[in-house]
Amino acid sequence: MFRRINDELNNIVAKDAAANSKLEIVLTYPGFHAMLLHRLAQIFWRNKLRLVARLIACIARFLTGIEIHPGAIIGKRVFIDHGCGVVIGETAEIADDVTIYHGVTLGSRINFKGKRHPTVQSGVVIGAGAKVIGDIIIGQDSKIGPNAVVTKSLPPNSLAVSVTTRVMKASDPAAHDYTI
């Protein structure tokens, strides 16, 4: 357990130039706190103690401003930077090494039991305020720009920008005009 926490801390130090020490992260980073509490809530969720899981998630939201449903599946080294306003729905799946900035929603368009939230593959970066909606797949190493609205699956190594979401391959010369 301590090895995994140290791995998470090393990831944050590597991704956040503002991080001065692991102690600072442990004491002051809401994204780190939200992930720890989510992992605890998910244990209860998987063991069918749903009320306890939802209470832990509610406490986490109150303390951090980050709402992660206890049913969401989240991989290793997922970094939620700043975090306030992040919402991750029940059937969302997030692979390893994903970075999520503040105000991001991984939400649903419809209300039914079953898979209805996005699947985010490894190495993805989701910019501040982006909305990723529906049972779609965000391909490995893709980038979603700030305030983009994504309602269709993205192939690996894509860049999605703007409210009308223009998708391009990262190798496309026009993709270099955008920074995340």
Protein backbone atom coordinates (compact mmCIF):
# COMPACT_ATOMS: atom_id res chain seq x y z
CA MET A 1 0.00 0.00 0.00
CA PHE A 2 2.77 2.48 0.90
CA ARG A 3 4.62 1.60 -2.30
CA ARG A 4 1.53 2.48 -4.35
CA ILE A 5 1.05 5.77 -2.48
CA ASN A 6 4.71 6.62 -3.07
CA ASP A 7 4.22 5.81 -6.78
CA GLU A 8 1.27 8.23 -6.87
CA LEU A 9 3.32 10.93 -5.12
CA ASN A 10 6.24 10.48 -7.53
CA ASN A 11 3.80 10.83 -10.43
CA ILE A 12 2.45 14.12 -9.08
CA VAL A 13 5.97 15.47 -8.50
CA ALA A 14 6.85 14.59 -12.11
CA LYS A 15 3.69 16.16 -13.60
CA ASP A 16 3.31 19.29 -11.46
CA ALA A 17 6.10 21.87 -11.54
CA ALA A 18 4.46 23.61 -8.56
CA ALA A 19 4.91 20.57 -6.29
CA ASN A 20 7.72 21.32 -3.85
CA SER A 21 7.69 18.11 -1.84
CA LYS A 22 5.78 14.91 -1.21
CA LEU A 23 4.79 16.23 2.21
CA GLU A 24 3.23 19.29 0.57
CA ILE A 25 1.23 17.00 -1.75
CA VAL A 26 0.02 14.80 1.11
CA LEU A 27 -1.08 17.82 3.12
CA THR A 28 -2.49 20.17 0.46
CA TYR A 29 -3.43 18.48 -2.85
CA PRO A 30 -7.18 17.82 -3.08
CA GLY A 31 -6.74 15.57 -6.13
CA PHE A 32 -4.48 13.30 -4.08
CA HIS A 33 -6.98 13.27 -1.20
CA ALA A 34 -9.91 12.55 -3.54
CA MET A 35 -8.08 9.59 -5.10
CA LEU A 36 -7.22 8.09 -1.70
CA LEU A 37 -10.81 8.41 -0.52
CA HIS A 38 -12.11 7.04 -3.83
CA ARG A 39 -9.95 3.93 -3.46
CA LEU A 40 -11.40 3.41 0.02
CA ALA A 41 -14.97 4.00 -1.19
CA GLN A 42 -14.46 1.58 -4.08
CA ILE A 43 -13.52 -1.22 -1.66
CA PHE A 44 -16.91 -0.82 0.03
CA TRP A 45 -18.67 -0.50 -3.35
CA ARG A 46 -17.19 -3.76 -4.65
CA ASN A 47 -18.21 -5.51 -1.43
CA LYS A 48 -21.84 -4.37 -1.89
CA LEU A 49 -21.68 -1.91 1.03
CA ARG A 50 -23.05 0.80 -1.24
CA LEU A 51 -24.32 3.22 1.42
CA VAL A 52 -20.94 3.32 3.17
CA ALA A 53 -19.23 3.82 -0.19
CA ARG A 54 -21.56 6.70 -1.09
CA LEU A 55 -21.02 8.32 2.31
CA ILE A 56 -17.23 8.22 1.83
CA ALA A 57 -17.65 9.70 -1.66
CA CYS A 58 -19.88 12.44 -0.23
CA ILE A 59 -17.29 13.29 2.43
CA ALA A 60 -14.59 13.35 -0.24
CA ARG A 61 -16.66 15.75 -2.36
CA PHE A 62 -17.26 18.01 0.65
CA LEU A 63 -13.56 18.08 1.54
CA THR A 64 -12.08 18.38 -1.97
CA GLY A 65 -14.71 19.73 -4.37
CA ILE A 66 -14.10 16.63 -6.51
CA GLU A 67 -16.98 14.21 -7.08
CA ILE A 68 -16.02 10.65 -7.97
CA HIS A 69 -18.73 8.01 -7.92
CA PRO A 70 -17.50 4.97 -5.94
CA GLY A 71 -18.39 2.72 -8.88
CA ALA A 72 -15.95 4.47 -11.22
CA ILE A 73 -12.89 2.38 -12.10
CA ILE A 74 -9.67 4.39 -11.88
CA GLY A 75 -6.18 3.14 -12.68
CA LYS A 76 -2.79 3.99 -11.25
CA ARG A 77 -1.09 7.38 -11.36
CA VAL A 78 -4.23 9.32 -12.27
CA PHE A 79 -3.48 12.95 -11.40
CA ILE A 80 -6.33 15.39 -10.80
CA ASP A 81 -4.63 18.81 -10.89
CA HIS A 82 -6.37 21.59 -8.91
CA GLY A 83 -9.49 19.45 -9.15
CA CYS A 84 -12.34 21.67 -8.02
CA GLY A 85 -15.47 20.87 -10.02
CA VAL A 86 -14.29 17.53 -11.41
CA VAL A 87 -17.15 15.02 -11.78
CA ILE A 88 -16.54 11.36 -12.65
CA GLY A 89 -19.64 9.20 -13.17
CA GLU A 90 -20.43 5.71 -11.97
CA THR A 91 -19.51 3.70 -15.06
CA ALA A 92 -16.49 5.80 -16.08
CA GLU A 93 -13.26 3.88 -16.57
CA ILE A 94 -9.92 5.66 -16.41
CA ALA A 95 -6.70 3.82 -17.25
CA ASP A 96 -3.21 4.51 -15.87
CA ASP A 97 -1.22 7.74 -16.25
CA VAL A 98 -4.14 10.06 -17.02
CA THR A 99 -4.11 13.77 -16.10
CA ILE A 100 -7.38 15.59 -15.42
CA TYR A 101 -7.60 19.33 -14.80
CA HIS A 102 -10.24 21.27 -12.86
CA GLY A 103 -13.83 21.47 -13.99
CA VAL A 104 -13.76 18.28 -16.08
CA THR A 105 -16.90 16.15 -16.36
CA LEU A 106 -16.87 12.50 -17.37
CA GLY A 107 -20.63 12.23 -17.62
CA SER A 108 -23.60 10.52 -19.18
CA ARG A 109 -26.18 11.58 -21.76
CA ILE A 110 -28.80 9.04 -20.79
CA ASN A 111 -30.25 7.59 -17.60
CA PHE A 112 -30.30 3.79 -17.52
CA LYS A 113 -28.48 0.97 -15.77
CA GLY A 114 -25.40 -0.12 -17.67
CA LYS A 115 -22.32 1.46 -19.23
CA ARG A 116 -23.10 5.12 -19.91
CA HIS A 117 -19.90 7.04 -19.05
CA PRO A 118 -16.60 7.42 -20.95
CA THR A 119 -13.66 5.05 -21.02
CA VAL A 120 -10.38 6.98 -20.93
CA GLN A 121 -7.33 5.02 -22.05
CA SER A 122 -3.80 5.50 -20.69
CA GLY A 123 -1.74 8.63 -21.15
CA VAL A 124 -4.70 10.93 -21.86
CA VAL A 125 -4.67 14.59 -20.77
CA ILE A 126 -8.06 16.28 -20.26
CA GLY A 127 -7.92 20.08 -20.14
CA ALA A 128 -9.75 22.34 -17.69
CA GLY A 129 -13.50 22.54 -18.13
CA ALA A 130 -13.72 19.78 -20.75
CA LYS A 131 -16.90 17.72 -20.90
CA VAL A 132 -16.56 14.12 -22.05
CA ILE A 133 -20.05 12.71 -22.32
CA GLY A 134 -21.50 9.28 -23.04
CA ASP A 135 -20.32 5.71 -23.47
CA ILE A 136 -17.36 6.64 -25.67
CA ILE A 137 -13.67 5.72 -25.75
CA ILE A 138 -10.90 8.30 -25.54
CA GLY A 139 -7.91 6.68 -27.25
CA GLN A 140 -4.51 6.26 -25.67
CA ASP A 141 -2.26 9.36 -25.45
CA SER A 142 -5.00 11.70 -26.70
CA LYS A 143 -5.35 15.29 -25.51
CA ILE A 144 -8.62 17.10 -24.92
CA GLY A 145 -8.33 20.88 -24.86
CA PRO A 146 -9.83 23.21 -22.27
CA ASN A 147 -13.62 23.56 -22.48
CA ALA A 148 -13.90 21.01 -25.31
CA VAL A 149 -17.13 19.04 -25.47
CA VAL A 150 -16.50 15.46 -26.62
CA THR A 151 -19.46 13.22 -27.43
CA LYS A 152 -17.81 10.83 -29.90
CA SER A 153 -14.96 8.37 -29.44
CA LEU A 154 -11.44 9.57 -30.22
CA PRO A 155 -8.77 7.40 -31.84
CA PRO A 156 -5.38 7.10 -30.11
CA ASN A 157 -3.04 10.13 -30.29
CA SER A 158 -5.87 12.56 -31.09
CA LEU A 159 -6.30 16.19 -30.14
CA ALA A 160 -9.85 17.41 -29.48
CA VAL A 161 -10.45 21.15 -29.17
CA SER A 162 -13.41 23.58 -28.96
CA VAL A 163 -17.06 23.16 -28.16
CA THR A 164 -17.69 21.68 -31.60
CA THR A 165 -14.68 19.39 -31.06
CA ARG A 166 -12.40 19.21 -34.01
CA VAL A 167 -10.44 15.94 -33.92
CA MET A 168 -7.02 15.62 -35.50
CA LYS A 169 -4.08 13.30 -35.32
CA ALA A 170 -1.29 14.62 -33.10
CA SER A 171 1.03 14.26 -36.10
CA ASP A 172 -1.10 16.73 -38.09
CA PRO A 173 0.85 20.04 -38.46
CA ALA A 174 -2.29 21.98 -37.51
CA ALA A 175 -2.34 20.17 -34.15
CA HIS A 176 0.78 22.07 -33.12
CA ASP A 177 -1.18 25.32 -33.11
CA TYR A 178 -2.95 24.15 -29.94
CA THR A 179 -1.41 23.70 -26.52
CA ILE A 180 -2.91 22.04 -23.50
